[in-house]
Each structure stands twice: as C-alpha cells, then as structure tokens.
C-alpha atoms as a PDB file:
ATOM      1  CA  MET A   1       9.564  29.315  22.639  1.00  0.00           C
ATOM      2  CA  THR A   2      13.072  29.631  21.234  1.00  0.00           C
ATOM      3  CA  GLU A   3      13.944  31.803  18.258  1.00  0.00           C
ATOM      4  CA  GLN A   4      14.984  28.665  16.348  1.00  0.00           C
ATOM      5  CA  GLU A   5      11.624  26.987  16.919  1.00  0.00           C
ATOM      6  CA  TRP A   6       9.707  30.056  15.771  1.00  0.00           C
ATOM      7  CA  LYS A   7      11.863  30.301  12.621  1.00  0.00           C
ATOM      8  CA  THR A   8      11.170  26.618  11.906  1.00  0.00           C
ATOM      9  CA  ARG A   9       7.448  27.162  12.491  1.00  0.00           C
ATOM     10  CA  CYS A  10       7.402  30.063  10.032  1.00  0.00           C
ATOM     11  CA  ASP A  11       9.307  28.108   7.373  1.00  0.00           C
ATOM     12  CA  LEU A  12       7.056  25.074   7.809  1.00  0.00           C
ATOM     13  CA  ALA A  13       3.883  27.168   7.627  1.00  0.00           C
ATOM     14  CA  ALA A  14       5.273  28.780   4.453  1.00  0.00           C
ATOM     15  CA  LEU A  15       5.915  25.318   3.033  1.00  0.00           C
ATOM     16  CA  TYR A  16       2.311  24.275   3.707  1.00  0.00           C
ATOM     17  CA  ARG A  17       1.039  27.408   1.960  1.00  0.00           C
ATOM     18  CA  LEU A  18       3.302  26.773  -1.043  1.00  0.00           C
ATOM     19  CA  ALA A  19       2.116  23.160  -1.189  1.00  0.00           C
ATOM     20  CA  ASP A  20      -1.444  24.494  -1.290  1.00  0.00           C
ATOM     21  CA  MET A  21      -0.509  26.977  -4.010  1.00  0.00           C
ATOM     22  CA  PHE A  22       1.036  24.257  -6.183  1.00  0.00           C
ATOM     23  CA  GLY A  23      -1.889  21.864  -5.669  1.00  0.00           C
ATOM     24  CA  TRP A  24       0.050  19.357  -3.588  1.00  0.00           C
ATOM     25  CA  ASP A  25      -2.646  19.179  -0.904  1.00  0.00           C
ATOM     26  CA  ASP A  26      -5.264  16.435  -0.644  1.00  0.00           C
ATOM     27  CA  ALA A  27      -7.931  18.073   1.505  1.00  0.00           C
ATOM     28  CA  ILE A  28      -6.743  17.197   5.052  1.00  0.00           C
ATOM     29  CA  PHE A  29      -4.983  13.934   4.210  1.00  0.00           C
ATOM     30  CA  THR A  30      -1.331  14.762   3.523  1.00  0.00           C
ATOM     31  CA  HIS A  31       1.364  16.172   5.758  1.00  0.00           C
ATOM     32  CA  ILE A  32       4.711  17.928   6.042  1.00  0.00           C
ATOM     33  CA  THR A  33       7.017  17.923   9.067  1.00  0.00           C
ATOM     34  CA  ALA A  34      10.089  19.777  10.305  1.00  0.00           C
ATOM     35  CA  ARG A  35      12.492  18.878  13.079  1.00  0.00           C
ATOM     36  CA  ILE A  36      13.077  21.578  15.703  1.00  0.00           C
ATOM     37  CA  PRO A  37      16.835  22.419  15.640  1.00  0.00           C
ATOM     38  CA  THR A  38      17.155  22.906  19.403  1.00  0.00           C
ATOM     39  CA  GLU A  39      15.039  19.838  20.221  1.00  0.00           C
ATOM     40  CA  THR A  40      16.220  17.152  17.830  1.00  0.00           C
ATOM     41  CA  ASP A  41      13.799  14.563  19.231  1.00  0.00           C
ATOM     42  CA  CYS A  42      10.828  16.831  18.442  1.00  0.00           C
ATOM     43  CA  TYR A  43       9.203  17.863  15.188  1.00  0.00           C
ATOM     44  CA  LEU A  44       6.263  19.958  14.014  1.00  0.00           C
ATOM     45  CA  ILE A  45       3.255  18.815  11.963  1.00  0.00           C
ATOM     46  CA  ASN A  46      -0.074  20.300  10.884  1.00  0.00           C
ATOM     47  CA  SER A  47      -3.036  19.939  13.184  1.00  0.00           C
ATOM     48  CA  TYR A  48      -5.163  17.145  11.708  1.00  0.00           C
ATOM     49  CA  GLY A  49      -8.329  18.561  10.188  1.00  0.00           C
ATOM     50  CA  LEU A  50      -6.850  21.830   8.953  1.00  0.00           C
ATOM     51  CA  LEU A  51      -6.511  22.532   5.260  1.00  0.00           C
ATOM     52  CA  PHE A  52      -3.036  23.534   4.109  1.00  0.00           C
ATOM     53  CA  GLU A  53      -4.377  27.039   3.467  1.00  0.00           C
ATOM     54  CA  GLU A  54      -5.268  27.283   7.175  1.00  0.00           C
ATOM     55  CA  VAL A  55      -1.856  26.331   8.565  1.00  0.00           C
ATOM     56  CA  THR A  56       0.050  29.047  10.397  1.00  0.00           C
ATOM     57  CA  ALA A  57       3.217  29.110  12.464  1.00  0.00           C
ATOM     58  CA  SER A  58       1.272  29.165  15.739  1.00  0.00           C
ATOM     59  CA  ASN A  59      -1.193  26.313  15.050  1.00  0.00           C
ATOM     60  CA  LEU A  60       1.433  23.691  14.159  1.00  0.00           C
ATOM     61  CA  VAL A  61       1.588  20.791  16.614  1.00  0.00           C
ATOM     62  CA  LYS A  62       4.786  19.709  18.372  1.00  0.00           C
ATOM     63  CA  VAL A  63       5.340  15.951  18.637  1.00  0.00           C
ATOM     64  CA  ASN A  64       8.277  13.928  19.955  1.00  0.00           C
ATOM     65  CA  ILE A  65       9.690  10.668  18.614  1.00  0.00           C
ATOM     66  CA  GLN A  66       7.860   8.833  21.406  1.00  0.00           C
ATOM     67  CA  LYS A  67       4.716   9.980  19.509  1.00  0.00           C
ATOM     68  CA  GLU A  68       3.619  12.221  22.373  1.00  0.00           C
ATOM     69  CA  LYS A  69       1.740  15.430  21.572  1.00  0.00           C
ATOM     70  CA  LEU A  70       3.453  18.401  23.261  1.00  0.00           C
ATOM     71  CA  SER A  71       1.238  21.277  22.142  1.00  0.00           C
ATOM     72  CA  PRO A  72      -2.474  21.824  21.375  1.00  0.00           C
ATOM     73  CA  GLY A  73      -4.032  20.380  18.230  1.00  0.00           C
ATOM     74  CA  ARG A  74      -4.976  17.033  16.693  1.00  0.00           C
ATOM     75  CA  ILE A  75      -2.450  14.583  15.313  1.00  0.00           C
ATOM     76  CA  ASN A  76      -2.999  12.053  12.542  1.00  0.00           C
ATOM     77  CA  SER A  77      -1.745   8.664  13.786  1.00  0.00           C
ATOM     78  CA  VAL A  78      -1.123   7.472  10.225  1.00  0.00           C
ATOM     79  CA  ALA A  79       1.018  10.544   9.520  1.00  0.00           C
ATOM     80  CA  ILE A  80       2.940  10.067  12.754  1.00  0.00           C
ATOM     81  CA  THR A  81       3.841   6.482  11.807  1.00  0.00           C
ATOM     82  CA  LEU A  82       5.391   7.662   8.548  1.00  0.00           C
ATOM     83  CA  HIS A  83       7.161  10.796   9.755  1.00  0.00           C
ATOM     84  CA  ASN A  84       8.239   9.371  13.098  1.00  0.00           C
ATOM     85  CA  ALA A  85      10.002   6.478  11.396  1.00  0.00           C
ATOM     86  CA  ILE A  86      12.109   8.756   9.227  1.00  0.00           C
ATOM     87  CA  HIS A  87      12.855  11.440  11.827  1.00  0.00           C
ATOM     88  CA  ASN A  88      13.799   8.733  14.323  1.00  0.00           C
ATOM     89  CA  TYR A  89      16.135   6.722  12.091  1.00  0.00           C
ATOM     90  CA  ARG A  90      17.582   9.394   9.816  1.00  0.00           C
ATOM     91  CA  SER A  91      19.322  12.062  11.919  1.00  0.00           C
ATOM     92  CA  ASP A  92      20.272  13.934   8.736  1.00  0.00           C
ATOM     93  CA  VAL A  93      16.609  14.463   7.807  1.00  0.00           C
ATOM     94  CA  ASN A  94      15.034  17.619   9.215  1.00  0.00           C
ATOM     95  CA  TRP A  95      12.230  18.127   6.672  1.00  0.00           C
ATOM     96  CA  ILE A  96       9.738  15.678   5.128  1.00  0.00           C
ATOM     97  CA  ILE A  97       7.039  16.324   2.506  1.00  0.00           C
ATOM     98  CA  HIS A  98       4.426  13.682   1.639  1.00  0.00           C
ATOM     99  CA  THR A  99       1.900  14.159  -1.179  1.00  0.00           C
ATOM    100  CA  HIS A 100      -0.985  12.304  -2.854  1.00  0.00           C
ATOM    101  CA  THR A 101      -1.326  14.345  -6.053  1.00  0.00           C
ATOM    102  CA  PRO A 102      -3.017  12.623  -9.021  1.00  0.00           C
ATOM    103  CA  PRO A 103       0.210  12.769 -11.130  1.00  0.00           C
ATOM    104  CA  GLY A 104       2.259  11.438  -8.212  1.00  0.00           C
ATOM    105  CA  VAL A 105      -0.147   8.592  -7.458  1.00  0.00           C
ATOM    106  CA  ALA A 106      -0.354   7.772 -11.169  1.00  0.00           C
ATOM    107  CA  ILE A 107       3.431   7.419 -11.469  1.00  0.00           C
ATOM    108  CA  SER A 108       3.596   5.502  -8.175  1.00  0.00           C
ATOM    109  CA  SER A 109       1.187   3.028  -9.783  1.00  0.00           C
ATOM    110  CA  GLU A 110       3.241   2.631 -12.968  1.00  0.00           C
ATOM    111  CA  LYS A 111       5.125  -0.662 -13.236  1.00  0.00           C
ATOM    112  CA  ASN A 112       8.435   1.098 -14.037  1.00  0.00           C
ATOM    113  CA  GLY A 113       7.932   4.112 -11.768  1.00  0.00           C
ATOM    114  CA  LEU A 114       9.485   7.449 -12.720  1.00  0.00           C
ATOM    115  CA  LEU A 115      11.315   7.384 -16.043  1.00  0.00           C
ATOM    116  CA  PRO A 116      14.316   9.523 -17.085  1.00  0.00           C
ATOM    117  CA  ILE A 117      12.510  11.394 -19.852  1.00  0.00           C
ATOM    118  CA  SER A 118      12.754  15.049 -18.812  1.00  0.00           C
ATOM    119  CA  GLN A 119      15.269  17.583 -17.604  1.00  0.00           C
ATOM    120  CA  GLN A 120      13.254  17.835 -14.392  1.00  0.00           C
ATOM    121  CA  SER A 121      13.936  14.180 -13.659  1.00  0.00           C
ATOM    122  CA  LEU A 122      17.712  14.382 -14.134  1.00  0.00           C
ATOM    123  CA  THR A 123      18.742  15.652 -10.690  1.00  0.00           C
ATOM    124  CA  ILE A 124      16.424  13.277  -8.835  1.00  0.00           C
ATOM    125  CA  ILE A 125      16.254  10.023 -10.806  1.00  0.00           C
ATOM    126  CA  ASN A 126      19.279   8.457  -9.059  1.00  0.00           C
ATOM    127  CA  ASP A 127      18.021   9.496  -5.621  1.00  0.00           C
ATOM    128  CA  ILE A 128      14.722   7.591  -5.715  1.00  0.00           C
ATOM    129  CA  ALA A 129      13.763   4.545  -3.657  1.00  0.00           C
ATOM    130  CA  TYR A 130      10.480   2.612  -3.837  1.00  0.00           C
ATOM    131  CA  TYR A 131       8.201   1.305  -1.089  1.00  0.00           C
ATOM    132  CA  ASN A 132       5.729  -1.502  -1.705  1.00  0.00           C
ATOM    133  CA  TYR A 133       2.145  -0.736  -0.755  1.00  0.00           C
ATOM    134  CA  ASN A 134       0.978  -2.572   2.360  1.00  0.00           C
ATOM    135  CA  GLY A 135      -2.120  -0.549   3.103  1.00  0.00           C
ATOM    136  CA  VAL A 136      -2.462   2.580   5.226  1.00  0.00           C
ATOM    137  CA  PHE A 137       0.284   3.010   7.857  1.00  0.00           C
ATOM    138  CA  PHE A 138      -1.702   1.759  10.837  1.00  0.00           C
ATOM    139  CA  TRP A 139       0.869  -0.819  11.889  1.00  0.00           C
ATOM    140  CA  GLU A 140       4.031   0.054  13.792  1.00  0.00           C
ATOM    141  CA  GLU A 141       5.993  -2.627  11.952  1.00  0.00           C
ATOM    142  CA  GLU A 142       5.616  -0.460   8.855  1.00  0.00           C
ATOM    143  CA  GLU A 143       8.121   1.976  10.385  1.00  0.00           C
ATOM    144  CA  ARG A 144      10.918  -0.549   9.829  1.00  0.00           C
ATOM    145  CA  ASN A 145       9.681  -1.244   6.277  1.00  0.00           C
ATOM    146  CA  ILE A 146       9.716   2.470   5.462  1.00  0.00           C
ATOM    147  CA  ILE A 147      13.300   2.901   6.673  1.00  0.00           C
ATOM    148  CA  ASP A 148      14.477  -0.275   4.947  1.00  0.00           C
ATOM    149  CA  SER A 149      13.016   1.055   1.691  1.00  0.00           C
ATOM    150  CA  LEU A 150      14.323   4.626   1.951  1.00  0.00           C
ATOM    151  CA  LYS A 151      17.825   3.764   3.254  1.00  0.00           C
ATOM    152  CA  ASN A 152      20.121   6.672   2.340  1.00  0.00           C
ATOM    153  CA  LYS A 153      17.987   8.001  -0.519  1.00  0.00           C
ATOM    154  CA  ASN A 154      16.143  11.306  -0.302  1.00  0.00           C
ATOM    155  CA  ILE A 155      13.067  10.487  -2.381  1.00  0.00           C
ATOM    156  CA  LEU A 156      10.606   7.687  -1.724  1.00  0.00           C
ATOM    157  CA  ILE A 157       7.891   6.733  -4.187  1.00  0.00           C
ATOM    158  CA  LEU A 158       5.268   4.834  -2.228  1.00  0.00           C
ATOM    159  CA  LYS A 159       3.784   2.455  -4.773  1.00  0.00           C
ATOM    160  CA  ASN A 160       0.040   2.919  -5.377  1.00  0.00           C
ATOM    161  CA  HIS A 161       0.088   5.697  -2.783  1.00  0.00           C
ATOM    162  CA  GLY A 162       2.109   8.843  -3.465  1.00  0.00           C
ATOM    163  CA  LEU A 163       5.399  10.683  -3.117  1.00  0.00           C
ATOM    164  CA  LEU A 164       7.789  11.644  -0.341  1.00  0.00           C
ATOM    165  CA  THR A 165      10.913  13.808  -0.228  1.00  0.00           C
ATOM    166  CA  VAL A 166      13.276  14.541   2.647  1.00  0.00           C
ATOM    167  CA  GLY A 167      15.975  17.129   3.192  1.00  0.00           C
ATOM    168  CA  GLU A 168      18.445  18.568   5.629  1.00  0.00           C
ATOM    169  CA  ASN A 169      16.911  21.999   5.078  1.00  0.00           C
ATOM    170  CA  VAL A 170      13.614  23.384   3.843  1.00  0.00           C
ATOM    171  CA  ALA A 171      14.946  24.656   0.498  1.00  0.00           C
ATOM    172  CA  THR A 172      16.354  21.268  -0.516  1.00  0.00           C
ATOM    173  CA  CYS A 173      13.261  19.338   0.550  1.00  0.00           C
ATOM    174  CA  PHE A 174      10.960  21.737  -1.316  1.00  0.00           C
ATOM    175  CA  ASN A 175      13.091  21.680  -4.460  1.00  0.00           C
ATOM    176  CA  ARG A 176      13.143  17.871  -4.546  1.00  0.00           C
ATOM    177  CA  MET A 177       9.366  17.715  -4.341  1.00  0.00           C
ATOM    178  CA  TYR A 178       8.962  20.465  -6.928  1.00  0.00           C
ATOM    179  CA  MET A 179      11.145  18.588  -9.414  1.00  0.00           C
ATOM    180  CA  LEU A 180       9.517  15.245  -8.566  1.00  0.00           C
ATOM    181  CA  GLU A 181       5.968  16.523  -8.986  1.00  0.00           C
ATOM    182  CA  SER A 182       6.941  18.279 -12.226  1.00  0.00           C
ATOM    183  CA  ALA A 183       8.588  15.129 -13.603  1.00  0.00           C
ATOM    184  CA  CYS A 184       5.477  13.094 -12.750  1.00  0.00           C
ATOM    185  CA  LYS A 185       3.202  15.569 -14.559  1.00  0.00           C
ATOM    186  CA  ILE A 186       5.421  15.482 -17.624  1.00  0.00           C
ATOM    187  CA  GLN A 187       5.507  11.682 -17.691  1.00  0.00           C
ATOM    188  CA  ILE A 188       1.749  11.186 -17.507  1.00  0.00           C
ATOM    189  CA  ASN A 189       1.361  13.606 -20.422  1.00  0.00           C
ATOM    190  CA  THR A 190       3.953  11.846 -22.610  1.00  0.00           C
ATOM    191  CA  LYS A 191       2.651   9.141 -24.947  1.00  0.00           C
ATOM    192  CA  ASP A 192       5.874   7.854 -26.530  1.00  0.00           C
ATOM    193  CA  PRO A 193       8.785   8.956 -24.301  1.00  0.00           C
ATOM    194  CA  ILE A 194      12.425   9.195 -25.358  1.00  0.00           C
ATOM    195  CA  MET A 195      14.681   7.892 -22.575  1.00  0.00           C
ATOM    196  CA  ILE A 196      17.679   9.955 -21.460  1.00  0.00           C
ATOM    197  CA  ASP A 197      20.812   7.806 -21.445  1.00  0.00           C
ATOM    198  CA  ASP A 198      22.733   6.937 -18.268  1.00  0.00           C
ATOM    199  CA  GLU A 199      25.813   8.946 -19.296  1.00  0.00           C
ATOM    200  CA  THR A 200      23.778  12.145 -19.565  1.00  0.00           C
ATOM    201  CA  ILE A 201      21.975  11.423 -16.292  1.00  0.00           C
ATOM    202  CA  ASN A 202      25.233  10.830 -14.408  1.00  0.00           C
ATOM    203  CA  LYS A 203      26.914  13.865 -15.962  1.00  0.00           C
ATOM    204  CA  SER A 204      24.005  16.079 -14.901  1.00  0.00           C
ATOM    205  CA  LEU A 205      23.983  14.548 -11.411  1.00  0.00           C
ATOM    206  CA  ASN A 206      27.720  15.071 -10.969  1.00  0.00           C
ATOM    207  CA  LYS A 207      27.360  18.719 -11.978  1.00  0.00           C
ATOM    208  CA  SER A 208      24.583  19.173  -9.435  1.00  0.00           C
ATOM    209  CA  LEU A 209      26.722  17.615  -6.705  1.00  0.00           C
ATOM    210  CA  GLU A 210      29.447  20.179  -7.443  1.00  0.00           C
ATOM    211  CA  GLY A 211      27.160  22.833  -6.012  1.00  0.00           C
ATOM    212  CA  SER A 212      25.222  24.376  -8.889  1.00  0.00           C
ATOM    213  CA  ASN A 213      21.997  22.728  -7.767  1.00  0.00           C
ATOM    214  CA  ALA A 214      22.535  23.676  -4.108  1.00  0.00           C
ATOM    215  CA  LYS A 215      22.781  27.344  -5.046  1.00  0.00           C
ATOM    216  CA  SER A 216      19.667  27.248  -7.189  1.00  0.00           C
ATOM    217  CA  THR A 217      17.580  25.574  -4.449  1.00  0.00           C
ATOM    218  CA  VAL A 218      18.287  28.457  -2.062  1.00  0.00           C
ATOM    219  CA  LEU A 219      17.521  31.047  -4.745  1.00  0.00           C
ATOM    220  CA  MET A 220      14.283  29.233  -5.562  1.00  0.00           C
ATOM    221  CA  TRP A 221      13.177  28.998  -1.920  1.00  0.00           C
ATOM    222  CA  ASN A 222      13.861  32.701  -1.366  1.00  0.00           C
ATOM    223  CA  ALA A 223      11.832  33.492  -4.483  1.00  0.00           C
ATOM    224  CA  MET A 224       8.913  31.428  -3.167  1.00  0.00           C
ATOM    225  CA  ILE A 225       8.990  33.264   0.173  1.00  0.00           C
ATOM    226  CA  ARG A 226       8.945  36.603  -1.669  1.00  0.00           C
ATOM    227  CA  LYS A 227       5.904  35.386  -3.602  1.00  0.00           C
ATOM    228  CA  LEU A 228       4.009  34.460  -0.420  1.00  0.00           C
ATOM    229  CA  ASN A 229       4.854  37.804   1.154  1.00  0.00           C
ATOM    230  CA  ARG A 230       3.876  39.707  -1.991  1.00  0.00           C
ATOM    231  CA  LEU A 231       0.495  37.932  -2.019  1.00  0.00           C
ATOM    232  CA  GLY A 232      -0.068  38.897   1.623  1.00  0.00           C
ATOM    233  CA  ILE A 233      -0.447  35.281   2.805  1.00  0.00           C
ATOM    234  CA  GLU A 234      -0.330  35.385   6.606  1.00  0.00           C
ATOM    235  CA  TYR A 235       1.539  32.171   7.359  1.00  0.00           C
ATOM    236  CA  LYS A 236       3.535  33.738  10.208  1.00  0.00           C
ATOM    237  CA  LYS A 237       0.519  34.253  12.502  1.00  0.00           C
END
C-alpha cells in the first residue's frame, strides 16, 4: 500500500468518526468516499454493515469505477451507484459525503429547499443543486440523472432523501457538510424566517472566494483531528 493511500484511509476513517460524533450517521445506511490520489480510478468506502463508529483506516473497502471490489469487505450497491457516478464524471471531486439526518431530510422535503436565513447558509446557498427523488438508486440510469443535476455545483440536495457534499480535499468537503447540516437545523427551528438579501449573499460569497473561507476550512479540519486524537478515538487502526 502506498503512503498516499494510507493517508487517504486515515483521513476518511477520521471523517467517518466525525460524522458519527456530529450525528450524521443513519445506522449502516449512509456513506462517505475518498478517491485514492495515486489511483484516480479507485476510491474507498465503508464496508457495508459497519457503523460509522466501527470504521477504521484498515477496514475501508477499495472499489474502482468499474464497480469492482478490490479489497475485503461488503459494498452497498446503492451507495456505489451514487458515488461511482460522481467520481467517474467529476475528476475534480475526490471526497463525497452523503447523509440522511432528520434536519437534512426535512429540508430536502421542503418545497423551497434551503433558504438564505442564516450566516451558516451564506457560503453555500449559491453552490446548491437539487435532485428529484426517483426512488432508491437501484437503476444505473440514475447515474446520468445524478450528474445532470449536480453539474458543476458542490452541494446536492436530494429531494425527499437527504444531503450530499463534494470536495477536492477532505477539509472542504467536511466544511460544506458542516455548514449545510447546521443551516438545515436552523431552518427547521425557525418559525417566521427573515430572508437575507441577494446583495449580502453575493458579497459574503465573493469574500469567501478570495480565500478567507479556504483558510478557515483547513483550520477547522485540523481542529477536528486534534479533537479525535484527544478523545483517543482509534480511527488509524
């Protein structure tokens, strides 16, 4: 195993443990993937049947974009349909998080989706695409529908289903999901929301694109890793 693959395995296992810590898991039914830098046609996913709290660097399963399993473990065919589509068609995407949290599913079921009503929503609201619910991803034709919906956006709200974020690196992908999940929680707890105007949204987005947000995502990820290490969570096994 290459040093790059092991580093990716450790970061992905850490991401699963953080998802568990923040309540983003759904028993065994959600998934996170990471592309292997030295093998761009291969990515890692949790072994189907394991809880997020059981995921470690060594028990992640390697899969290629031909949907072939290359290491021991079970794979969820529904998960592979979703992740394979994005990894295959978006070469810039190395990390994908998919969740089914109650706040996320609630907002995905709202007629108007996520609303610009909180500071948390400002850096993500213009980066959101929507996917119409067609049932569980059992059909290969759904791969094309997923890509056609996501296009060049980095957040996909799957209507009546849940949330998805992508990123070039682990810090960015994690930060997008953190802000998205937070914005969803805020919205479902707001009875009479005040909308943030487009000028303020665009001004905040432009500031983030200048680099202030990129710096904070790295600082945040490093802080999360320190937290896992301080708690003695053995994700690197």
